């Protein structure tokens, strides 16, 4: 897959073009959670992911983030608990 590293695609999350290398090695070294959505039409991305990651790793990598509403409600609840403490 390194032969595809210089391929560019528009990143909807960042709002500009990025290359495949960026998508497959984000800040923490893991691939972007949207890599399959973005690259499936241009590269054999499913085969790449299965070749480089175990099924357990793939489950962790592509776990859906909680909704923004859920995150906000959790933050409100934590703030409420902090203000209720003596």
N, C-alpha and C. Protein backbone atom coordinates (compact mmCIF):
# COMPACT_ATOMS: atom_id res chain seq x y z
N UNK A 1 0.80 -1.20 0.00
CA UNK A 1 0.00 0.00 0.00
C UNK A 1 0.85 1.27 0.00
N UNK A 2 2.11 1.16 0.34
CA UNK A 2 2.94 2.36 0.33
C UNK A 2 3.01 2.98 -1.05
N UNK A 3 2.75 2.18 -2.07
CA UNK A 3 2.76 2.74 -3.41
C UNK A 3 1.63 3.75 -3.60
N UNK A 4 0.63 3.72 -2.73
CA UNK A 4 -0.49 4.66 -2.80
C UNK A 4 -0.29 5.87 -1.89
N UNK A 5 0.78 5.91 -1.14
CA UNK A 5 0.97 6.96 -0.13
C UNK A 5 0.85 8.37 -0.67
N UNK A 6 1.22 8.60 -1.91
CA UNK A 6 1.16 9.95 -2.47
C UNK A 6 -0.17 10.28 -3.15
N UNK A 7 -1.09 9.30 -3.18
CA UNK A 7 -2.42 9.56 -3.74
C UNK A 7 -3.14 10.56 -2.84
N UNK A 8 -3.76 11.56 -3.43
CA UNK A 8 -4.49 12.57 -2.67
C UNK A 8 -5.99 12.37 -2.78
N UNK A 9 -6.67 12.80 -1.74
CA UNK A 9 -8.12 12.78 -1.72
C UNK A 9 -8.58 13.93 -0.82
N UNK A 10 -9.76 14.44 -1.08
CA UNK A 10 -10.30 15.52 -0.26
C UNK A 10 -10.81 14.93 1.05
N UNK A 11 -10.37 15.50 2.16
CA UNK A 11 -10.79 15.03 3.48
C UNK A 11 -11.96 15.89 3.95
N UNK A 12 -13.11 15.26 4.13
CA UNK A 12 -14.30 15.98 4.59
C UNK A 12 -14.17 16.42 6.03
N UNK A 13 -13.40 15.71 6.82
CA UNK A 13 -13.24 16.09 8.23
C UNK A 13 -12.32 17.29 8.38
N UNK A 14 -11.26 17.36 7.58
CA UNK A 14 -10.29 18.45 7.69
C UNK A 14 -10.59 19.61 6.74
N UNK A 15 -11.28 19.31 5.65
CA UNK A 15 -11.63 20.36 4.70
C UNK A 15 -10.57 20.68 3.67
N UNK A 16 -9.64 19.78 3.46
CA UNK A 16 -8.61 19.98 2.43
C UNK A 16 -8.08 18.62 2.00
N UNK A 17 -7.24 18.64 0.97
CA UNK A 17 -6.68 17.39 0.43
C UNK A 17 -5.62 16.82 1.37
N UNK A 18 -5.61 15.51 1.48
CA UNK A 18 -4.58 14.80 2.23
C UNK A 18 -4.17 13.58 1.41
N UNK A 19 -2.97 13.07 1.69
CA UNK A 19 -2.55 11.87 0.97
C UNK A 19 -2.88 10.62 1.79
N UNK A 20 -2.78 9.49 1.13
CA UNK A 20 -3.13 8.22 1.79
C UNK A 20 -2.26 7.95 3.01
N UNK A 21 -1.00 8.31 2.93
CA UNK A 21 -0.11 8.08 4.07
C UNK A 21 -0.65 8.79 5.31
N UNK A 22 -1.14 10.00 5.15
CA UNK A 22 -1.71 10.73 6.28
C UNK A 22 -2.90 9.96 6.86
N UNK A 23 -3.75 9.44 6.00
CA UNK A 23 -4.95 8.73 6.45
C UNK A 23 -4.62 7.41 7.15
N UNK A 24 -3.58 6.75 6.71
CA UNK A 24 -3.27 5.45 7.30
C UNK A 24 -2.41 5.55 8.55
N UNK A 25 -1.86 6.73 8.82
CA UNK A 25 -1.04 6.91 10.01
C UNK A 25 -1.33 8.27 10.64
N UNK A 26 -2.44 8.38 11.34
CA UNK A 26 -2.80 9.63 11.99
C UNK A 26 -1.87 9.88 13.18
N UNK A 27 -2.16 10.89 13.95
CA UNK A 27 -1.27 11.34 15.04
C UNK A 27 -0.83 10.21 15.97
N UNK A 28 -1.72 9.30 16.30
CA UNK A 28 -1.35 8.22 17.22
C UNK A 28 -0.85 6.97 16.49
N UNK A 29 -0.70 7.05 15.18
CA UNK A 29 -0.17 5.92 14.42
C UNK A 29 -1.23 4.99 13.87
N UNK A 30 -2.46 5.17 14.29
CA UNK A 30 -3.54 4.32 13.78
C UNK A 30 -4.21 5.01 12.59
N UNK A 31 -4.89 4.25 11.74
CA UNK A 31 -5.55 4.87 10.60
C UNK A 31 -6.76 5.69 11.03
N UNK A 32 -7.11 6.65 10.21
CA UNK A 32 -8.30 7.46 10.44
C UNK A 32 -9.52 6.54 10.45
N UNK A 33 -10.47 6.83 11.32
CA UNK A 33 -11.66 5.98 11.41
C UNK A 33 -12.52 6.05 10.15
N UNK A 34 -12.29 7.04 9.29
CA UNK A 34 -13.06 7.19 8.05
C UNK A 34 -12.31 6.67 6.83
N UNK A 35 -11.18 6.02 7.03
CA UNK A 35 -10.33 5.61 5.90
C UNK A 35 -11.07 4.73 4.89
N UNK A 36 -11.89 3.84 5.37
CA UNK A 36 -12.60 2.95 4.45
C UNK A 36 -13.67 3.72 3.67
N UNK A 37 -14.35 4.64 4.32
CA UNK A 37 -15.38 5.44 3.65
C UNK A 37 -14.79 6.31 2.54
N UNK A 38 -13.62 6.85 2.80
CA UNK A 38 -13.01 7.79 1.84
C UNK A 38 -12.30 7.10 0.68
N UNK A 39 -11.67 5.98 0.93
CA UNK A 39 -10.78 5.39 -0.06
C UNK A 39 -11.34 4.18 -0.78
N UNK A 40 -12.52 3.70 -0.43
CA UNK A 40 -13.00 2.43 -0.99
C UNK A 40 -13.15 2.46 -2.52
N UNK A 41 -13.39 3.63 -3.09
CA UNK A 41 -13.56 3.68 -4.55
C UNK A 41 -12.23 3.78 -5.30
N UNK A 42 -11.16 4.09 -4.58
CA UNK A 42 -9.89 4.34 -5.26
C UNK A 42 -8.82 3.28 -4.99
N UNK A 43 -8.92 2.61 -3.85
CA UNK A 43 -7.89 1.64 -3.46
C UNK A 43 -8.54 0.37 -2.92
N UNK A 44 -7.81 -0.75 -2.93
CA UNK A 44 -8.33 -1.97 -2.31
C UNK A 44 -8.18 -1.86 -0.78
N UNK A 45 -8.90 -0.91 -0.20
CA UNK A 45 -8.71 -0.55 1.20
C UNK A 45 -9.14 -1.65 2.16
N UNK A 46 -10.19 -2.37 1.83
CA UNK A 46 -10.64 -3.44 2.73
C UNK A 46 -9.57 -4.52 2.85
N UNK A 47 -8.96 -4.90 1.75
CA UNK A 47 -7.89 -5.89 1.78
C UNK A 47 -6.70 -5.37 2.58
N UNK A 48 -6.37 -4.10 2.40
CA UNK A 48 -5.26 -3.50 3.15
C UNK A 48 -5.53 -3.58 4.64
N UNK A 49 -6.71 -3.20 5.07
CA UNK A 49 -7.03 -3.19 6.49
C UNK A 49 -6.99 -4.60 7.08
N UNK A 50 -7.55 -5.56 6.36
CA UNK A 50 -7.54 -6.94 6.85
C UNK A 50 -6.13 -7.51 6.91
N UNK A 51 -5.28 -7.07 6.00
CA UNK A 51 -3.90 -7.56 5.96
C UNK A 51 -3.06 -6.98 7.10
N UNK A 52 -3.33 -5.76 7.49
CA UNK A 52 -2.48 -5.07 8.47
C UNK A 52 -3.03 -5.01 9.89
N UNK A 53 -4.28 -5.40 10.09
CA UNK A 53 -4.89 -5.32 11.42
C UNK A 53 -5.71 -6.56 11.71
N UNK A 54 -5.69 -6.98 12.98
CA UNK A 54 -6.49 -8.13 13.40
C UNK A 54 -7.97 -7.72 13.48
N UNK A 55 -8.87 -8.70 13.50
CA UNK A 55 -10.29 -8.36 13.64
C UNK A 55 -10.56 -7.55 14.92
N UNK A 56 -9.88 -7.87 16.01
CA UNK A 56 -10.08 -7.12 17.25
C UNK A 56 -9.60 -5.68 17.11
N UNK A 57 -8.47 -5.48 16.45
CA UNK A 57 -7.97 -4.12 16.23
C UNK A 57 -8.93 -3.33 15.36
N UNK A 58 -9.48 -3.98 14.34
CA UNK A 58 -10.42 -3.30 13.45
C UNK A 58 -11.68 -2.87 14.20
N UNK A 59 -12.16 -3.70 15.11
CA UNK A 59 -13.33 -3.32 15.91
C UNK A 59 -13.05 -2.07 16.72
N UNK A 60 -11.87 -2.01 17.32
CA UNK A 60 -11.50 -0.84 18.13
C UNK A 60 -11.32 0.39 17.24
N UNK A 61 -10.64 0.22 16.11
CA UNK A 61 -10.37 1.34 15.22
C UNK A 61 -11.65 1.97 14.67
N UNK A 62 -12.64 1.14 14.39
CA UNK A 62 -13.84 1.64 13.73
C UNK A 62 -15.05 1.69 14.63
N UNK A 63 -14.82 1.68 15.93
CA UNK A 63 -15.91 1.85 16.88
C UNK A 63 -16.50 3.24 16.67
N UNK A 64 -17.81 3.29 16.55
CA UNK A 64 -18.48 4.57 16.32
C UNK A 64 -18.36 5.46 17.55
N UNK A 65 -17.98 6.71 17.36
CA UNK A 65 -17.92 7.61 18.51
C UNK A 65 -19.33 7.89 19.02
N UNK A 66 -19.43 8.21 20.30
CA UNK A 66 -20.76 8.51 20.82
C UNK A 66 -21.25 9.81 20.21
N UNK A 67 -22.56 9.96 20.18
CA UNK A 67 -23.12 11.15 19.55
C UNK A 67 -22.75 12.41 20.32
N UNK A 68 -22.81 13.52 19.65
CA UNK A 68 -22.48 14.80 20.29
C UNK A 68 -23.46 15.11 21.41
N UNK A 69 -24.72 14.76 21.21
CA UNK A 69 -25.72 15.00 22.25
C UNK A 69 -25.38 14.20 23.50
N UNK A 70 -25.01 12.95 23.32
CA UNK A 70 -24.63 12.12 24.46
C UNK A 70 -23.41 12.70 25.17
N UNK A 71 -22.43 13.15 24.40
CA UNK A 71 -21.23 13.76 24.99
C UNK A 71 -21.58 15.01 25.79
N UNK A 72 -22.44 15.84 25.24
CA UNK A 72 -22.84 17.08 25.93
C UNK A 72 -23.59 16.75 27.22
N UNK A 73 -24.50 15.78 27.14
CA UNK A 73 -25.26 15.40 28.33
C UNK A 73 -24.34 14.85 29.41
N UNK A 74 -23.34 14.06 29.02
CA UNK A 74 -22.36 13.53 29.98
C UNK A 74 -21.58 14.66 30.64
N UNK A 75 -21.17 15.65 29.86
CA UNK A 75 -20.44 16.79 30.41
C UNK A 75 -21.31 17.59 31.39
N UNK A 76 -22.57 17.77 31.05
CA UNK A 76 -23.49 18.48 31.95
C UNK A 76 -23.64 17.73 33.26
N UNK A 77 -23.79 16.42 33.17
CA UNK A 77 -23.96 15.60 34.37
C UNK A 77 -22.71 15.66 35.25
N UNK A 78 -21.54 15.59 34.64
CA UNK A 78 -20.30 15.68 35.42
C UNK A 78 -20.17 17.05 36.09
N UNK A 79 -20.52 18.10 35.38
CA UNK A 79 -20.46 19.46 35.94
C UNK A 79 -21.45 19.59 37.10
N UNK A 80 -22.62 19.03 36.93
CA UNK A 80 -23.65 19.08 37.97
C UNK A 80 -23.14 18.36 39.23
N UNK A 81 -22.51 17.21 39.06
CA UNK A 81 -22.00 16.46 40.20
C UNK A 81 -20.90 17.25 40.93
N UNK A 82 -20.04 17.94 40.17
CA UNK A 82 -18.98 18.72 40.78
C UNK A 82 -19.54 19.88 41.61
N UNK A 83 -20.59 20.51 41.13
CA UNK A 83 -21.16 21.64 41.86
C UNK A 83 -21.97 21.18 43.07
N UNK A 84 -22.45 19.93 43.05
CA UNK A 84 -23.22 19.39 44.17
C UNK A 84 -22.32 18.89 45.29
N UNK A 85 -21.03 18.69 45.01
CA UNK A 85 -20.10 18.19 46.04
C UNK A 85 -19.84 19.29 47.08
N UNK A 86 -19.72 18.89 48.38
CA UNK A 86 -19.46 19.88 49.43
C UNK A 86 -18.03 20.40 49.39
